[in-house]
N, C-alpha and C. Protein backbone atom coordinates (compact mmCIF):
# COMPACT_ATOMS: atom_id res chain seq x y z
N UNK A 1 317.61 105.07 116.20
CA UNK A 1 317.38 104.18 115.00
C UNK A 1 317.34 104.86 113.78
N UNK A 2 317.96 104.17 112.80
CA UNK A 2 317.95 104.98 111.35
C UNK A 2 317.37 104.10 110.24
N UNK A 3 316.81 104.98 109.25
CA UNK A 3 316.12 104.35 108.18
C UNK A 3 317.56 103.90 107.35
N UNK A 4 317.46 103.01 106.80
CA UNK A 4 318.45 102.18 105.60
C UNK A 4 317.98 102.33 104.53
N UNK A 5 318.58 103.11 103.53
CA UNK A 5 318.22 103.05 102.03
C UNK A 5 319.64 101.94 101.19
N UNK A 6 319.25 100.59 100.60
CA UNK A 6 320.29 100.05 100.19
C UNK A 6 319.71 99.26 98.89
N UNK A 7 320.56 98.92 98.09
CA UNK A 7 320.09 98.03 97.25
C UNK A 7 319.21 98.84 96.02
N UNK A 8 319.52 100.32 95.82
CA UNK A 8 318.60 101.58 95.24
C UNK A 8 317.39 101.27 95.26
N UNK A 9 316.65 100.32 95.73
CA UNK A 9 315.33 99.94 95.66
C UNK A 9 314.80 99.51 97.18
N UNK A 10 315.47 99.41 97.88
CA UNK A 10 314.83 99.16 99.30
C UNK A 10 315.35 100.09 100.55
N UNK A 11 314.09 100.20 101.18
CA UNK A 11 314.17 100.97 102.25
C UNK A 11 313.79 100.37 103.62
N UNK A 12 314.87 100.28 104.46
CA UNK A 12 314.47 99.49 105.50
C UNK A 12 314.66 100.42 106.95
N UNK A 13 313.16 100.16 108.03
CA UNK A 13 313.33 100.71 109.36
C UNK A 13 312.81 99.89 110.24
N UNK A 14 313.49 99.43 111.28
CA UNK A 14 313.20 98.53 112.09
C UNK A 14 312.85 97.26 111.32
N UNK A 15 312.09 96.51 111.59
CA UNK A 15 311.24 95.16 110.90
C UNK A 15 310.89 95.40 109.52
N UNK A 16 310.56 96.69 109.15
CA UNK A 16 309.89 96.93 107.99
C UNK A 16 310.85 96.84 106.57
N UNK A 17 310.38 96.41 105.63
CA UNK A 17 310.84 96.52 104.10
C UNK A 17 309.94 96.97 103.38
N UNK A 18 310.48 98.41 102.68
CA UNK A 18 309.56 98.95 101.84
C UNK A 18 310.33 99.25 100.29
N UNK A 19 309.71 98.89 99.31
CA UNK A 19 310.18 99.23 97.91
C UNK A 19 310.34 101.04 97.71
N UNK A 20 311.64 101.33 97.16
CA UNK A 20 311.54 102.50 96.99
C UNK A 20 312.38 102.91 95.71
N UNK A 21 312.17 104.10 95.43
CA UNK A 21 312.98 104.57 94.28
C UNK A 21 313.95 105.42 94.15
N UNK A 22 315.21 105.84 93.74
CA UNK A 22 315.91 106.78 94.34
C UNK A 22 316.53 107.74 92.70
N UNK A 23 317.67 108.43 92.61
CA UNK A 23 318.00 109.22 91.47
C UNK A 23 318.11 108.41 90.57
N UNK A 24 318.04 108.84 89.43
CA UNK A 24 318.17 108.31 88.15
C UNK A 24 319.72 107.63 87.90
N UNK A 25 320.53 108.78 88.43
CA UNK A 25 322.02 108.66 88.23
C UNK A 25 322.56 107.83 89.30
N UNK A 26 321.56 106.97 90.34
CA UNK A 26 322.39 106.21 91.37
C UNK A 26 322.74 107.13 92.66
N UNK A 27 323.78 106.61 93.35
CA UNK A 27 323.79 106.96 94.51
C UNK A 27 325.34 107.71 94.60
N UNK A 28 326.00 108.57 95.11
CA UNK A 28 326.91 109.29 94.99
C UNK A 28 327.51 109.75 96.07
N UNK A 29 328.78 110.06 96.44
CA UNK A 29 329.43 110.77 97.64
C UNK A 29 329.64 112.23 97.08
N UNK A 30 329.53 112.49 95.87
CA UNK A 30 329.96 113.86 95.14
C UNK A 30 328.52 114.29 94.71
N UNK A 31 327.52 114.57 95.45
CA UNK A 31 326.35 115.18 94.68
C UNK A 31 326.57 116.45 94.08
N UNK A 32 326.10 116.87 92.84
CA UNK A 32 326.02 117.96 92.58
C UNK A 32 324.64 118.47 91.98
N UNK A 33 324.28 119.67 91.98
CA UNK A 33 322.88 120.26 91.43
C UNK A 33 322.62 119.93 90.12
N UNK A 34 321.48 118.98 90.01
CA UNK A 34 320.80 118.71 88.89
C UNK A 34 321.49 117.31 88.26
N UNK A 35 322.39 116.59 89.10
CA UNK A 35 323.04 115.47 88.24
C UNK A 35 322.08 114.19 88.57
N UNK A 36 320.83 114.23 89.06
CA UNK A 36 319.94 113.58 89.34
C UNK A 36 320.59 112.37 90.13
N UNK A 37 321.32 112.54 91.16
CA UNK A 37 321.97 111.40 91.87
C UNK A 37 321.63 111.48 93.23
N UNK A 38 321.57 110.67 94.01
CA UNK A 38 321.08 110.47 95.56
C UNK A 38 322.27 110.58 96.36
N UNK A 39 322.34 111.47 97.34
CA UNK A 39 323.47 111.66 98.12
C UNK A 39 323.73 110.38 99.18
N UNK A 40 324.82 110.01 98.99
CA UNK A 40 325.32 108.91 99.87
C UNK A 40 325.83 109.36 101.43
N UNK A 41 325.38 108.57 102.55
CA UNK A 41 325.58 109.45 103.71
C UNK A 41 324.49 108.94 104.74
N UNK A 42 324.71 109.78 106.08
CA UNK A 42 323.92 109.46 107.18
C UNK A 42 323.29 111.03 107.39
N UNK A 43 321.87 111.36 107.59
CA UNK A 43 321.52 112.44 107.42
C UNK A 43 320.28 112.50 108.58
N UNK A 44 319.98 113.70 109.04
CA UNK A 44 319.06 114.22 110.06
C UNK A 44 317.68 114.02 109.05
N UNK A 45 316.62 114.07 109.45
CA UNK A 45 315.22 114.41 108.90
C UNK A 45 314.45 116.01 109.24
N UNK A 46 314.05 116.29 108.22
CA UNK A 46 313.12 117.73 108.65
C UNK A 46 311.78 117.15 108.97
N UNK A 47 311.01 118.24 108.86
CA UNK A 47 309.85 118.31 109.29
C UNK A 47 308.96 117.76 108.07
N UNK A 48 307.82 117.29 108.76
CA UNK A 48 306.90 116.44 107.47
C UNK A 48 305.85 117.59 106.88
N UNK A 49 305.83 117.67 105.61
CA UNK A 49 305.37 118.93 104.77
C UNK A 49 304.21 118.27 104.40
N UNK A 50 302.78 118.59 104.64
CA UNK A 50 301.63 117.79 103.28
C UNK A 50 300.59 118.69 102.94
N UNK A 51 300.22 117.99 102.19
CA UNK A 51 298.87 118.88 101.55
C UNK A 51 297.41 118.82 102.18
N UNK A 52 297.33 119.69 103.32
CA UNK A 52 296.15 119.48 104.06
C UNK A 52 294.80 119.88 103.29
N UNK A 53 294.79 120.32 101.96
CA UNK A 53 293.83 120.49 101.31
C UNK A 53 293.02 119.31 100.63
N UNK A 54 294.16 118.02 100.41
CA UNK A 54 293.95 116.78 99.89
C UNK A 54 293.94 115.65 101.03
N UNK A 55 294.56 115.75 102.14
CA UNK A 55 294.85 114.87 103.21
C UNK A 55 294.74 115.55 104.59
N UNK A 56 294.34 114.60 105.64
CA UNK A 56 294.05 114.90 107.22
C UNK A 56 295.76 114.85 107.54
N UNK A 57 295.80 115.61 108.76
CA UNK A 57 297.05 115.61 109.01
C UNK A 57 297.66 114.02 109.52
N UNK A 58 298.70 113.76 109.14
CA UNK A 58 299.05 112.19 109.23
C UNK A 58 299.24 111.76 110.67
N UNK A 59 299.17 110.43 111.14
CA UNK A 59 299.61 110.28 112.41
C UNK A 59 301.12 109.97 112.41
N UNK A 60 301.68 110.75 113.21
CA UNK A 60 303.14 110.99 113.32
C UNK A 60 303.81 111.63 114.32
N UNK A 61 305.11 111.32 114.76
CA UNK A 61 305.49 112.03 116.18
C UNK A 61 306.45 113.22 115.75
N UNK A 62 306.60 113.47 114.31
CA UNK A 62 307.31 114.34 113.76
C UNK A 62 306.55 115.91 113.42
N UNK A 63 307.01 116.88 113.60
CA UNK A 63 306.16 117.97 113.37
C UNK A 63 305.53 118.02 111.97
N UNK A 64 304.53 118.47 111.88
CA UNK A 64 303.58 118.58 110.69
C UNK A 64 303.59 119.84 110.03
N UNK A 65 303.58 120.25 108.74
CA UNK A 65 303.70 121.65 108.28
C UNK A 65 302.69 121.54 107.07
N UNK A 66 301.56 122.25 107.14
CA UNK A 66 300.70 121.96 105.71
C UNK A 66 301.53 122.84 104.59
N UNK A 67 301.41 122.41 103.59
CA UNK A 67 301.88 123.04 102.09
C UNK A 67 301.14 124.01 101.61
N UNK A 68 301.33 125.23 101.45
CA UNK A 68 300.70 126.47 100.72
C UNK A 68 301.05 126.62 99.40
N UNK A 69 300.48 127.06 98.60
CA UNK A 69 300.54 127.44 97.34
C UNK A 69 302.19 128.29 97.17
N UNK A 70 302.13 129.09 98.07
CA UNK A 70 303.49 129.91 97.79
C UNK A 70 304.74 129.14 98.37
N UNK A 71 304.65 128.09 98.63
CA UNK A 71 305.93 127.40 99.32
C UNK A 71 306.97 126.60 98.21
N UNK A 72 307.98 127.10 98.25
CA UNK A 72 308.94 126.26 97.19
C UNK A 72 310.53 125.93 98.04
N UNK A 73 311.13 125.44 97.69
CA UNK A 73 312.73 124.77 97.90
C UNK A 73 313.48 125.30 97.00
N UNK A 74 314.38 126.52 97.39
CA UNK A 74 315.30 127.09 96.73
C UNK A 74 316.34 126.05 96.32
N UNK A 75 316.66 126.10 94.58
CA UNK A 75 317.46 125.13 94.18
C UNK A 75 318.37 126.15 93.23
N UNK A 76 318.52 127.32 93.43
CA UNK A 76 319.15 128.40 92.74
C UNK A 76 320.63 128.68 93.18
N UNK A 77 321.60 127.90 92.28
CA UNK A 77 323.03 128.06 92.78
C UNK A 77 323.77 129.29 92.99
N UNK A 78 322.75 130.40 92.22
CA UNK A 78 323.29 131.84 92.57
C UNK A 78 322.61 132.38 93.48
N UNK A 79 321.72 131.78 94.45
CA UNK A 79 321.10 132.60 95.38
C UNK A 79 321.64 131.94 96.58
N UNK A 80 322.89 132.24 97.03
CA UNK A 80 323.61 132.07 98.24
C UNK A 80 322.86 132.10 99.76
N UNK A 81 322.09 133.11 99.54
CA UNK A 81 321.00 133.39 101.11
C UNK A 81 320.25 132.14 101.27
N UNK A 82 319.29 132.08 99.79
CA UNK A 82 318.27 130.85 100.09
C UNK A 82 318.49 129.46 99.63
N UNK A 83 319.41 129.13 99.11
CA UNK A 83 319.85 128.16 98.48
C UNK A 83 319.94 126.77 99.46
N UNK A 84 318.87 125.84 99.12
CA UNK A 84 318.59 124.55 99.81
C UNK A 84 317.80 125.09 101.13
N UNK A 85 316.69 125.85 100.93
CA UNK A 85 316.15 126.43 102.07
C UNK A 85 314.75 126.45 101.42
N UNK A 86 313.73 126.24 102.36
CA UNK A 86 312.28 126.68 102.34
C UNK A 86 312.07 128.23 102.13
N UNK A 87 311.38 128.32 100.92
CA UNK A 87 311.20 129.44 100.70
C UNK A 87 309.78 129.97 100.26
N UNK A 88 309.55 131.51 100.03
CA UNK A 88 308.13 131.87 99.49
C UNK A 88 308.47 131.94 98.18
N UNK A 89 307.55 131.56 97.30
CA UNK A 89 307.66 131.59 95.75
C UNK A 89 307.46 132.91 95.36
N UNK A 90 308.57 133.63 94.49
CA UNK A 90 308.29 134.99 93.83
C UNK A 90 309.24 134.91 92.65
N UNK A 91 309.02 135.77 91.63
CA UNK A 91 309.87 135.74 90.50
C UNK A 91 311.15 135.95 90.68
N UNK A 92 311.67 136.01 91.85
CA UNK A 92 313.27 136.20 91.85
C UNK A 92 313.94 135.13 92.36
N UNK A 93 313.12 134.19 92.86
CA UNK A 93 313.72 132.99 93.24
C UNK A 93 313.75 131.99 92.57
N UNK A 94 314.50 131.16 92.05
CA UNK A 94 314.26 129.72 91.23
C UNK A 94 314.16 128.70 92.18
N UNK A 95 313.15 127.94 92.32
CA UNK A 95 312.70 127.05 93.56
C UNK A 95 311.57 126.06 92.72
N UNK A 96 311.90 124.84 93.47
CA UNK A 96 311.11 123.63 93.29
C UNK A 96 309.74 123.90 94.01
N UNK A 97 308.66 124.21 93.39
CA UNK A 97 307.47 124.25 93.88
C UNK A 97 306.89 123.32 94.85
N UNK A 98 306.40 123.41 95.99
CA UNK A 98 305.83 122.10 96.98
C UNK A 98 304.67 121.78 96.38
N UNK A 99 303.66 122.73 96.18
CA UNK A 99 302.42 122.76 95.89
C UNK A 99 301.98 122.27 94.63
N UNK A 100 301.74 120.98 94.20
CA UNK A 100 301.72 120.50 92.90
C UNK A 100 300.63 120.19 92.48
N UNK A 101 300.60 119.81 91.00
CA UNK A 101 299.31 119.06 90.60
C UNK A 101 299.21 117.72 90.37
N UNK A 102 300.44 117.12 90.47
CA UNK A 102 300.61 115.85 90.77
C UNK A 102 300.54 115.10 92.20
N UNK A 103 300.68 114.08 92.69
CA UNK A 103 300.71 113.74 94.35
C UNK A 103 302.08 113.49 94.63
N UNK A 104 303.05 113.68 93.79
CA UNK A 104 304.49 113.63 94.40
C UNK A 104 304.87 114.14 95.63
N UNK A 105 304.21 115.47 95.93
CA UNK A 105 304.57 115.96 97.10
C UNK A 105 303.53 116.23 98.04
N UNK A 106 302.24 115.47 97.91
CA UNK A 106 301.34 115.66 99.09
C UNK A 106 301.87 115.13 99.95
N UNK A 107 302.85 114.64 100.61
CA UNK A 107 303.34 114.19 101.67
C UNK A 107 305.10 114.24 101.24
N UNK A 108 305.90 114.97 102.33
CA UNK A 108 307.34 115.23 101.83
C UNK A 108 308.11 115.32 103.15
N UNK A 109 309.41 114.75 103.41
CA UNK A 109 310.25 115.25 104.78
C UNK A 109 311.69 115.39 104.00
N UNK A 110 312.21 116.46 104.12
CA UNK A 110 313.55 116.76 103.68
C UNK A 110 314.39 116.33 104.61
N UNK A 111 315.18 115.79 103.74
CA UNK A 111 316.47 114.91 103.92
C UNK A 111 317.40 116.37 104.35
N UNK A 112 318.17 116.06 105.47
CA UNK A 112 318.95 117.28 105.88
C UNK A 112 320.33 117.21 105.22
N UNK A 113 320.46 116.98 103.86
CA UNK A 113 321.66 116.87 103.30
C UNK A 113 322.01 118.23 102.63
N UNK A 114 323.38 118.69 103.00
CA UNK A 114 323.61 120.12 102.38
C UNK A 114 322.84 121.25 103.48
N UNK A 115 322.89 121.11 104.36
CA UNK A 115 321.77 121.63 105.11
C UNK A 115 322.43 122.77 106.31
N UNK A 116 323.49 122.24 107.08
CA UNK A 116 324.16 122.82 108.00
C UNK A 116 325.19 123.84 107.60
N UNK A 117 326.27 123.53 106.71
CA UNK A 117 327.00 124.54 105.97
C UNK A 117 326.61 124.27 104.97
N UNK A 118 325.97 125.11 104.41
CA UNK A 118 325.33 124.85 102.67
C UNK A 118 326.22 125.52 101.98
N UNK A 119 326.55 124.50 100.67
CA UNK A 119 327.46 125.01 99.85
C UNK A 119 326.69 124.95 98.49
N UNK A 120 326.27 126.10 98.02
CA UNK A 120 325.36 126.56 96.46
C UNK A 120 325.85 125.43 95.52
N UNK A 121 325.38 124.59 94.88
CA UNK A 121 325.81 123.55 93.66
C UNK A 121 325.88 122.14 94.09
N UNK A 122 325.99 121.97 95.56
CA UNK A 122 326.29 120.73 95.79
C UNK A 122 325.00 119.83 96.19
N UNK A 123 323.67 120.33 95.84
CA UNK A 123 322.80 119.72 95.85
C UNK A 123 321.53 120.44 96.62
N UNK A 124 320.39 120.45 96.25
CA UNK A 124 318.88 120.72 97.02
C UNK A 124 317.56 120.04 97.02
N UNK A 125 316.84 120.42 97.70
CA UNK A 125 315.77 119.89 97.60
C UNK A 125 315.84 118.45 97.52
N UNK A 126 316.45 117.64 98.57
CA UNK A 126 316.53 116.27 98.57
C UNK A 126 315.49 115.79 99.72
N UNK A 127 314.34 114.98 98.99
CA UNK A 127 313.15 114.85 99.99
C UNK A 127 313.14 112.92 99.98
N UNK A 128 312.17 112.66 100.97
CA UNK A 128 311.38 111.57 100.98
C UNK A 128 310.22 111.88 100.58
N UNK A 129 309.55 111.46 99.50
CA UNK A 129 308.19 111.82 98.87
C UNK A 129 307.62 110.71 98.09
N UNK A 130 306.49 110.83 97.58
CA UNK A 130 305.64 109.80 97.15
C UNK A 130 306.05 109.69 95.58
N UNK A 131 305.55 108.14 95.18
CA UNK A 131 305.88 107.82 93.86
C UNK A 131 304.58 106.85 93.44
N UNK A 132 304.10 106.96 92.38
CA UNK A 132 302.97 105.85 91.90
C UNK A 132 303.42 104.99 91.28
N UNK A 133 304.89 105.24 90.82
CA UNK A 133 305.29 104.02 90.06
C UNK A 133 306.69 103.37 89.76
N UNK A 134 307.23 104.16 91.03
CA UNK A 134 308.67 103.90 91.22
C UNK A 134 309.62 104.38 90.44
N UNK A 135 309.40 105.17 89.52
CA UNK A 135 309.91 105.92 88.61
C UNK A 135 311.26 106.55 89.34
N UNK A 136 312.50 106.75 88.45
CA UNK A 136 313.64 107.44 89.00
C UNK A 136 313.30 108.58 89.61
N UNK A 137 313.99 109.15 90.31
CA UNK A 137 313.57 110.92 90.89
C UNK A 137 314.87 111.38 90.22
N UNK A 138 314.75 112.48 91.07
CA UNK A 138 315.72 113.53 90.61
C UNK A 138 317.20 113.80 91.68
N UNK A 139 316.99 112.61 92.51
CA UNK A 139 317.77 112.67 93.69
C UNK A 139 316.99 112.51 95.01
N UNK A 140 316.13 112.16 94.82
CA UNK A 140 315.25 111.98 96.00
C UNK A 140 315.05 110.74 96.51
N UNK A 141 314.29 110.38 97.55
CA UNK A 141 313.63 108.87 97.65
C UNK A 141 312.38 108.92 97.50
N UNK A 142 311.78 107.79 96.80
CA UNK A 142 310.49 107.90 96.78
C UNK A 142 309.49 106.66 97.11
N UNK A 143 308.78 106.92 97.78
CA UNK A 143 307.78 105.45 98.16
C UNK A 143 306.43 105.65 97.85
N UNK A 144 305.70 104.60 97.81
CA UNK A 144 304.16 104.54 97.68
C UNK A 144 303.65 105.32 98.90
N UNK A 145 302.38 105.80 98.74
CA UNK A 145 301.79 106.55 99.63
C UNK A 145 301.73 105.60 100.91
N UNK A 146 300.95 104.66 101.18
CA UNK A 146 300.98 103.69 102.01
C UNK A 146 302.32 103.40 102.91
N UNK A 147 303.03 102.92 101.98
CA UNK A 147 304.21 102.78 102.84
C UNK A 147 305.11 104.20 103.48
N UNK A 148 304.58 105.34 102.95
CA UNK A 148 305.14 106.62 103.60
C UNK A 148 304.50 106.62 104.88
N UNK A 149 303.07 106.64 104.41
CA UNK A 149 302.28 106.78 106.10
C UNK A 149 302.56 105.78 106.95
N UNK A 150 303.15 104.60 106.41
CA UNK A 150 303.75 103.40 107.56
C UNK A 150 304.61 104.22 108.19
N UNK A 151 305.56 104.53 107.45
CA UNK A 151 306.81 105.04 107.73
C UNK A 151 306.99 106.24 108.82
N UNK A 152 305.94 107.20 108.63
CA UNK A 152 306.18 108.42 109.57
C UNK A 152 305.38 108.04 110.55
N UNK A 153 304.60 106.88 111.03
CA UNK A 153 304.20 106.34 112.31
C UNK A 153 305.08 106.06 113.11
N UNK A 154 306.39 105.38 112.17
CA UNK A 154 307.32 104.58 113.32
C UNK A 154 308.25 105.51 113.73
N UNK A 155 308.63 106.43 112.67
CA UNK A 155 309.99 107.44 113.00
C UNK A 155 309.73 108.60 114.12
N UNK A 156 310.60 109.48 114.47
CA UNK A 156 310.69 110.63 115.37
C UNK A 156 311.64 111.36 114.93
N UNK A 157 311.55 112.45 115.81
CA UNK A 157 312.52 113.44 115.21
C UNK A 157 313.95 113.46 115.38
N UNK A 158 314.35 112.45 115.98
CA UNK A 158 315.77 111.71 116.48
C UNK A 158 316.11 110.71 114.96
N UNK A 159 315.21 110.28 114.33
CA UNK A 159 315.49 109.46 113.54
C UNK A 159 316.38 110.17 112.48
N UNK A 160 317.36 109.31 111.77
CA UNK A 160 318.12 109.73 110.69
C UNK A 160 318.07 108.65 109.62
N UNK A 161 318.70 108.89 108.57
CA UNK A 161 318.60 108.26 107.39
C UNK A 161 319.60 107.90 106.87
N UNK A 162 320.08 106.61 106.66
CA UNK A 162 321.45 106.44 106.19
C UNK A 162 321.56 105.67 104.53
N UNK A 163 322.14 106.68 103.75
CA UNK A 163 322.04 106.11 102.32
C UNK A 163 323.11 105.47 101.62
N UNK A 164 323.14 104.15 101.38
CA UNK A 164 324.47 103.29 101.23
C UNK A 164 324.48 103.07 99.91
């Protein structure tokens, strides 16, 4: 079973419908780093990352990984080795920090876009994460915390996401 994102504001799984937000630039087949667009297509989902200093391990069938202060997701188009991968933060790697002061990444699931045969510049760090007010994202899909927690109870490691 797949998660379906349609109408730019609706995420559907089974009989559940959730309001969501997507990239400010809309949905595209030709995603580029920094274009603020959400990539169109069907993708696998990664593990669930969560802030265990703020939340208990959530109820889910997918693997849960606590977020540490040193975790980042490489978005450096010039770093072919680490681009669009989980990395340890250091001054030599440009990355999206996962340990944040806001609540956006208290829970997140990487969408496996541009992750098999990685092409630097085609987009990185595309996640399902939290939102407080449904503001546009930089290309991710964002849900309210309660909706996110409901969704992760329903999905498993075989669940895919289809963005149309």
